[in-house]
Amino acid sequence: MAGLHRRFVEVKNVHLMRTPGLAEFPDCVAARPLKHLRELEAMAAAGHRVVMLFVIQRGDCDVFAACAELDPAYARGLDHAAANGVEVLAYRCALTPDAVTLADPIPWRDAA
């Protein structure tokens, strides 16, 4: 179907915090998340809306960043994808004994 634009969302769970208030992803070197970024970038280049959503499943973080120290290739890949049409969003969760709910957006600190 020519002209049909789709929307794609990749969701990553984030739980790493090494510096108070800073949520980081990934928590180890992993080729698969980088492969996904490249696929998302290709979808954006094809004219689709593409979102990389980081869900921070903790309430004590005020900013999000790619963990360049643990996986510099992923950090560079996220910056590259964002520069090429992939929206990067990070949302903090509210945690209670009964539920984990998406709360509010927090800023993404890119490596550039």
Protein backbone atom coordinates (compact mmCIF):
# COMPACT_ATOMS: atom_id res chain seq x y z
CA MET A 1 0.00 0.00 0.00
CA ALA A 2 1.87 3.00 -1.29
CA GLY A 3 1.88 6.03 0.97
CA LEU A 4 0.87 4.08 4.08
CA HIS A 5 2.95 5.13 7.06
CA ARG A 6 3.07 2.92 10.09
CA ARG A 7 4.12 3.54 13.64
CA PHE A 8 6.70 1.37 15.35
CA VAL A 9 7.62 1.36 19.04
CA GLU A 10 10.47 -0.56 20.64
CA VAL A 11 10.24 -0.77 24.44
CA LYS A 12 13.21 -1.40 26.71
CA ASN A 13 13.02 -2.02 30.44
CA VAL A 14 15.50 0.08 32.41
CA HIS A 15 16.52 -0.66 35.97
CA LEU A 16 20.23 0.26 36.14
CA MET A 17 21.18 3.24 38.30
CA ARG A 18 24.88 3.62 39.16
CA THR A 19 24.80 7.38 39.74
CA PRO A 20 21.98 8.73 41.91
CA GLY A 21 19.13 9.95 39.72
CA LEU A 22 20.56 8.62 36.43
CA ALA A 23 18.83 5.68 34.75
CA GLU A 24 21.03 3.86 32.22
CA PHE A 25 20.57 1.28 29.47
CA PRO A 26 21.95 -1.23 28.65
CA ASP A 27 23.34 -2.90 31.75
CA CYS A 28 25.75 -5.06 29.71
CA VAL A 29 27.13 -5.36 26.18
CA ALA A 30 24.43 -6.79 23.97
CA ALA A 31 24.37 -6.95 20.19
CA ARG A 32 20.61 -7.45 19.89
CA PRO A 33 19.50 -4.00 21.14
CA LEU A 34 21.93 -2.36 18.72
CA LYS A 35 20.53 -4.48 15.88
CA HIS A 36 17.04 -3.30 16.84
CA LEU A 37 18.19 0.34 16.71
CA ARG A 38 19.47 -0.15 13.19
CA GLU A 39 16.16 -1.74 12.16
CA LEU A 40 14.24 1.18 13.68
CA GLU A 41 16.45 3.63 11.85
CA ALA A 42 15.66 1.90 8.54
CA MET A 43 11.94 2.13 9.31
CA ALA A 44 12.28 5.86 10.01
CA ALA A 45 14.17 6.31 6.74
CA ALA A 46 11.22 4.65 4.99
CA GLY A 47 8.98 7.40 6.32
CA HIS A 48 7.40 5.66 9.30
CA ARG A 49 7.09 7.13 12.77
CA VAL A 50 9.47 5.25 15.03
CA VAL A 51 9.85 5.54 18.80
CA MET A 52 12.48 4.02 21.08
CA LEU A 53 10.77 3.99 24.49
CA PHE A 54 12.78 3.41 27.64
CA VAL A 55 10.59 2.47 30.62
CA ILE A 56 12.46 3.21 33.83
CA GLN A 57 10.95 0.84 36.34
CA ARG A 58 12.01 2.83 39.37
CA GLY A 59 10.86 6.16 40.74
CA ASP A 60 14.20 7.61 41.84
CA CYS A 61 15.63 8.64 38.47
CA ASP A 62 15.31 12.11 36.95
CA VAL A 63 17.30 11.64 33.73
CA PHE A 64 18.07 8.82 31.30
CA ALA A 65 21.24 8.07 29.31
CA ALA A 66 22.66 5.25 27.26
CA CYS A 67 25.37 3.54 29.27
CA ALA A 68 28.40 4.35 27.12
CA GLU A 69 30.79 2.94 29.71
CA LEU A 70 29.27 -0.56 29.51
CA ASP A 71 28.27 -0.53 25.83
CA PRO A 72 29.77 2.34 23.83
CA ALA A 73 28.48 0.92 20.53
CA TYR A 74 24.89 1.08 21.78
CA ALA A 75 25.34 4.64 23.05
CA ARG A 76 26.69 5.74 19.66
CA GLY A 77 23.92 3.79 17.92
CA LEU A 78 21.21 5.51 19.94
CA ASP A 79 22.61 8.96 19.11
CA HIS A 80 22.84 7.99 15.44
CA ALA A 81 19.29 6.62 15.36
CA ALA A 82 17.94 9.78 17.03
CA ALA A 83 19.76 11.94 14.48
CA ASN A 84 18.11 9.89 11.74
CA GLY A 85 14.47 10.07 12.73
CA VAL A 86 14.02 7.72 15.68
CA GLU A 87 12.25 9.47 18.58
CA VAL A 88 13.84 8.69 21.94
CA LEU A 89 11.49 8.80 24.91
CA ALA A 90 12.12 7.87 28.53
CA TYR A 91 9.36 7.45 31.10
CA ARG A 92 9.74 6.88 34.81
CA CYS A 93 7.36 4.55 36.62
CA ALA A 94 5.45 5.08 39.83
CA LEU A 95 5.84 2.10 42.12
CA THR A 96 3.43 1.05 44.85
CA PRO A 97 2.94 -2.27 46.64
CA ASP A 98 -0.01 -2.91 44.32
CA ALA A 99 1.18 -1.66 40.93
CA VAL A 100 3.85 -0.37 38.64
CA THR A 101 2.46 2.35 36.38
CA LEU A 102 3.93 4.62 33.76
CA ALA A 103 4.23 8.01 35.43
CA ASP A 104 5.99 10.85 33.64
CA PRO A 105 8.60 11.57 30.99
CA ILE A 106 12.17 12.29 31.99
CA PRO A 107 14.85 13.86 29.76
CA TRP A 108 17.25 11.81 27.70
CA ARG A 109 20.86 12.90 27.93
CA ASP A 110 22.49 11.95 24.64
CA ALA A 111 26.19 11.22 24.40
CA ALA A 112 26.87 14.05 21.95
